[in-house]
Amino acid sequence: MERLLSHEKAPPKGLLRVSATLGFGRTQLSPLISKFVRQHPQVDVQLQLSVNPPVLKDDSFDVCFQFDRRQMRE
């Protein structure tokens, strides 16, 4: 994300809606989002963490991180 934004001339701004699983969101995404928001103060990030991932058919999120548990067991 940082690499893509570094080529833009105008600073990013607006709302970024992110959904992730509870554990991944807490351990991996939260620190990255915190750093990102400090570097881009005009971006508001809404992070929703959940054990049950949301339905991806609606337009509620811009980015969703989900994992297939069946593949993780193999």
N, C-alpha and C. Protein backbone atom coordinates (compact mmCIF):
# COMPACT_ATOMS: atom_id res chain seq x y z
N MET A 1 0.82 -1.16 0.00
CA MET A 1 0.00 0.00 0.00
C MET A 1 0.89 1.25 0.00
N GLU A 2 1.92 1.25 0.81
CA GLU A 2 2.81 2.40 0.87
C GLU A 2 3.47 2.65 -0.48
N ARG A 3 3.88 1.59 -1.16
CA ARG A 3 4.55 1.74 -2.45
C ARG A 3 3.62 2.38 -3.48
N LEU A 4 2.37 1.94 -3.49
CA LEU A 4 1.40 2.49 -4.43
C LEU A 4 1.13 3.96 -4.15
N LEU A 5 1.00 4.31 -2.88
CA LEU A 5 0.69 5.69 -2.52
C LEU A 5 1.88 6.63 -2.72
N SER A 6 3.08 6.11 -2.70
CA SER A 6 4.25 6.97 -2.83
C SER A 6 4.35 7.59 -4.23
N HIS A 7 3.67 7.02 -5.22
CA HIS A 7 3.70 7.56 -6.58
C HIS A 7 2.64 8.63 -6.80
N GLU A 8 1.73 8.78 -5.89
CA GLU A 8 0.67 9.78 -6.00
C GLU A 8 1.22 11.15 -5.65
N LYS A 9 0.73 12.18 -6.33
CA LYS A 9 1.17 13.54 -6.03
C LYS A 9 0.35 14.14 -4.89
N ALA A 10 -0.93 13.90 -4.86
CA ALA A 10 -1.78 14.42 -3.78
C ALA A 10 -1.77 13.43 -2.62
N PRO A 11 -1.77 13.95 -1.39
CA PRO A 11 -1.80 13.02 -0.25
C PRO A 11 -3.14 12.29 -0.20
N PRO A 12 -3.12 11.03 0.22
CA PRO A 12 -4.38 10.28 0.30
C PRO A 12 -5.28 10.87 1.39
N LYS A 13 -6.57 10.80 1.15
CA LYS A 13 -7.52 11.27 2.15
C LYS A 13 -8.83 10.51 1.98
N GLY A 14 -9.61 10.51 3.03
CA GLY A 14 -10.90 9.84 2.98
C GLY A 14 -10.99 8.69 3.96
N LEU A 15 -11.98 7.87 3.76
CA LEU A 15 -12.27 6.75 4.65
C LEU A 15 -11.84 5.44 4.01
N LEU A 16 -11.13 4.62 4.76
CA LEU A 16 -10.73 3.28 4.34
C LEU A 16 -11.36 2.29 5.31
N ARG A 17 -12.24 1.45 4.80
CA ARG A 17 -12.96 0.48 5.65
C ARG A 17 -12.31 -0.89 5.50
N VAL A 18 -11.80 -1.43 6.61
CA VAL A 18 -11.04 -2.67 6.60
C VAL A 18 -11.70 -3.68 7.53
N SER A 19 -11.79 -4.91 7.05
CA SER A 19 -12.31 -6.01 7.86
C SER A 19 -11.25 -7.10 7.93
N ALA A 20 -11.12 -7.73 9.10
CA ALA A 20 -10.13 -8.79 9.26
C ALA A 20 -10.56 -9.72 10.38
N THR A 21 -9.94 -10.88 10.39
CA THR A 21 -10.18 -11.81 11.48
C THR A 21 -9.55 -11.24 12.75
N LEU A 22 -10.07 -11.65 13.87
CA LEU A 22 -9.69 -11.09 15.16
C LEU A 22 -8.18 -11.19 15.43
N GLY A 23 -7.64 -12.37 15.37
CA GLY A 23 -6.22 -12.56 15.69
C GLY A 23 -5.29 -11.86 14.72
N PHE A 24 -5.55 -12.01 13.42
CA PHE A 24 -4.71 -11.37 12.41
C PHE A 24 -4.80 -9.85 12.51
N GLY A 25 -5.98 -9.36 12.73
CA GLY A 25 -6.17 -7.92 12.83
C GLY A 25 -5.43 -7.32 14.01
N ARG A 26 -5.51 -7.99 15.14
CA ARG A 26 -4.83 -7.48 16.35
C ARG A 26 -3.32 -7.53 16.23
N THR A 27 -2.81 -8.65 15.76
CA THR A 27 -1.35 -8.83 15.77
C THR A 27 -0.65 -8.23 14.56
N GLN A 28 -1.28 -8.28 13.40
CA GLN A 28 -0.61 -7.85 12.18
C GLN A 28 -1.09 -6.50 11.66
N LEU A 29 -2.40 -6.31 11.56
CA LEU A 29 -2.93 -5.10 10.93
C LEU A 29 -2.91 -3.87 11.82
N SER A 30 -3.26 -4.02 13.07
CA SER A 30 -3.34 -2.85 13.96
C SER A 30 -2.05 -2.04 13.98
N PRO A 31 -0.89 -2.67 14.14
CA PRO A 31 0.35 -1.87 14.12
C PRO A 31 0.60 -1.19 12.77
N LEU A 32 0.27 -1.88 11.68
CA LEU A 32 0.48 -1.29 10.36
C LEU A 32 -0.48 -0.13 10.10
N ILE A 33 -1.72 -0.30 10.51
CA ILE A 33 -2.71 0.77 10.33
C ILE A 33 -2.33 1.98 11.17
N SER A 34 -1.87 1.74 12.36
CA SER A 34 -1.45 2.83 13.24
C SER A 34 -0.33 3.65 12.59
N LYS A 35 0.65 2.97 12.05
CA LYS A 35 1.76 3.63 11.36
C LYS A 35 1.26 4.37 10.12
N PHE A 36 0.39 3.73 9.36
CA PHE A 36 -0.16 4.32 8.13
C PHE A 36 -0.92 5.61 8.43
N VAL A 37 -1.73 5.61 9.47
CA VAL A 37 -2.54 6.78 9.82
C VAL A 37 -1.64 7.93 10.31
N ARG A 38 -0.57 7.61 11.00
CA ARG A 38 0.37 8.65 11.42
C ARG A 38 1.04 9.31 10.19
N GLN A 39 1.32 8.52 9.18
CA GLN A 39 1.96 9.04 7.97
C GLN A 39 0.97 9.74 7.05
N HIS A 40 -0.30 9.37 7.15
CA HIS A 40 -1.35 9.93 6.27
C HIS A 40 -2.53 10.38 7.13
N PRO A 41 -2.39 11.52 7.81
CA PRO A 41 -3.41 11.95 8.76
C PRO A 41 -4.77 12.30 8.16
N GLN A 42 -4.84 12.45 6.84
CA GLN A 42 -6.13 12.76 6.22
C GLN A 42 -6.92 11.50 5.87
N VAL A 43 -6.38 10.34 6.22
CA VAL A 43 -7.09 9.07 5.99
C VAL A 43 -7.65 8.59 7.33
N ASP A 44 -8.94 8.31 7.31
CA ASP A 44 -9.60 7.70 8.47
C ASP A 44 -9.76 6.22 8.17
N VAL A 45 -9.31 5.39 9.09
CA VAL A 45 -9.41 3.94 8.90
C VAL A 45 -10.39 3.39 9.91
N GLN A 46 -11.37 2.66 9.42
CA GLN A 46 -12.30 1.92 10.28
C GLN A 46 -11.91 0.44 10.17
N LEU A 47 -11.48 -0.13 11.26
CA LEU A 47 -11.06 -1.53 11.30
C LEU A 47 -12.09 -2.32 12.07
N GLN A 48 -12.70 -3.29 11.42
CA GLN A 48 -13.65 -4.18 12.08
C GLN A 48 -13.02 -5.55 12.20
N LEU A 49 -12.87 -6.01 13.44
CA LEU A 49 -12.32 -7.33 13.70
C LEU A 49 -13.44 -8.26 14.13
N SER A 50 -13.43 -9.47 13.58
CA SER A 50 -14.51 -10.40 13.87
C SER A 50 -14.03 -11.84 13.73
N VAL A 51 -14.62 -12.71 14.53
CA VAL A 51 -14.34 -14.13 14.41
C VAL A 51 -15.02 -14.66 13.14
N ASN A 52 -16.21 -14.15 12.85
CA ASN A 52 -16.96 -14.55 11.66
C ASN A 52 -16.81 -13.49 10.59
N PRO A 53 -16.20 -13.82 9.45
CA PRO A 53 -16.00 -12.83 8.40
C PRO A 53 -17.33 -12.35 7.82
N PRO A 54 -17.38 -11.10 7.38
CA PRO A 54 -18.62 -10.56 6.80
C PRO A 54 -18.88 -11.14 5.41
N VAL A 55 -20.09 -11.01 4.97
CA VAL A 55 -20.45 -11.42 3.60
C VAL A 55 -19.81 -10.41 2.65
N LEU A 56 -19.10 -10.92 1.65
CA LEU A 56 -18.38 -10.03 0.76
C LEU A 56 -19.22 -9.51 -0.40
N LYS A 57 -20.48 -9.89 -0.46
CA LYS A 57 -21.34 -9.43 -1.55
C LYS A 57 -21.74 -7.97 -1.40
N ASP A 58 -21.82 -7.50 -0.18
CA ASP A 58 -22.21 -6.10 0.00
C ASP A 58 -20.99 -5.19 -0.12
N ASP A 59 -21.21 -3.90 -0.09
CA ASP A 59 -20.15 -2.92 -0.30
C ASP A 59 -19.72 -2.26 1.01
N SER A 60 -19.69 -3.04 2.08
CA SER A 60 -19.42 -2.49 3.41
C SER A 60 -17.96 -2.20 3.66
N PHE A 61 -17.05 -2.88 2.95
CA PHE A 61 -15.63 -2.75 3.21
C PHE A 61 -14.85 -2.51 1.93
N ASP A 62 -13.75 -1.79 2.07
CA ASP A 62 -12.84 -1.57 0.94
C ASP A 62 -11.82 -2.69 0.83
N VAL A 63 -11.40 -3.21 2.00
CA VAL A 63 -10.41 -4.29 2.07
C VAL A 63 -10.87 -5.31 3.10
N CYS A 64 -10.82 -6.59 2.73
CA CYS A 64 -11.18 -7.67 3.67
C CYS A 64 -10.06 -8.71 3.69
N PHE A 65 -9.64 -9.09 4.89
CA PHE A 65 -8.65 -10.14 5.06
C PHE A 65 -9.36 -11.35 5.65
N GLN A 66 -9.42 -12.43 4.88
CA GLN A 66 -10.05 -13.66 5.33
C GLN A 66 -9.12 -14.82 5.02
N PHE A 67 -9.25 -15.87 5.80
CA PHE A 67 -8.41 -17.05 5.63
C PHE A 67 -9.28 -18.28 5.57
N ASP A 68 -8.91 -19.21 4.72
CA ASP A 68 -9.63 -20.47 4.59
C ASP A 68 -9.02 -21.45 5.59
N ARG A 69 -9.78 -21.74 6.63
CA ARG A 69 -9.27 -22.62 7.70
C ARG A 69 -8.99 -24.03 7.22
N ARG A 70 -9.70 -24.47 6.21
CA ARG A 70 -9.47 -25.83 5.69
C ARG A 70 -8.04 -25.96 5.16
N GLN A 71 -7.53 -24.95 4.47
CA GLN A 71 -6.17 -25.00 3.94
C GLN A 71 -5.14 -24.88 5.04
N MET A 72 -5.47 -24.21 6.12
CA MET A 72 -4.52 -24.03 7.21
C MET A 72 -4.28 -25.34 7.97
N ARG A 73 -5.23 -26.26 7.92
CA ARG A 73 -5.10 -27.52 8.64
C ARG A 73 -4.25 -28.53 7.88
N GLU A 74 -4.11 -28.36 6.59
CA GLU A 74 -3.37 -29.34 5.78
C GLU A 74 -1.89 -29.25 5.98
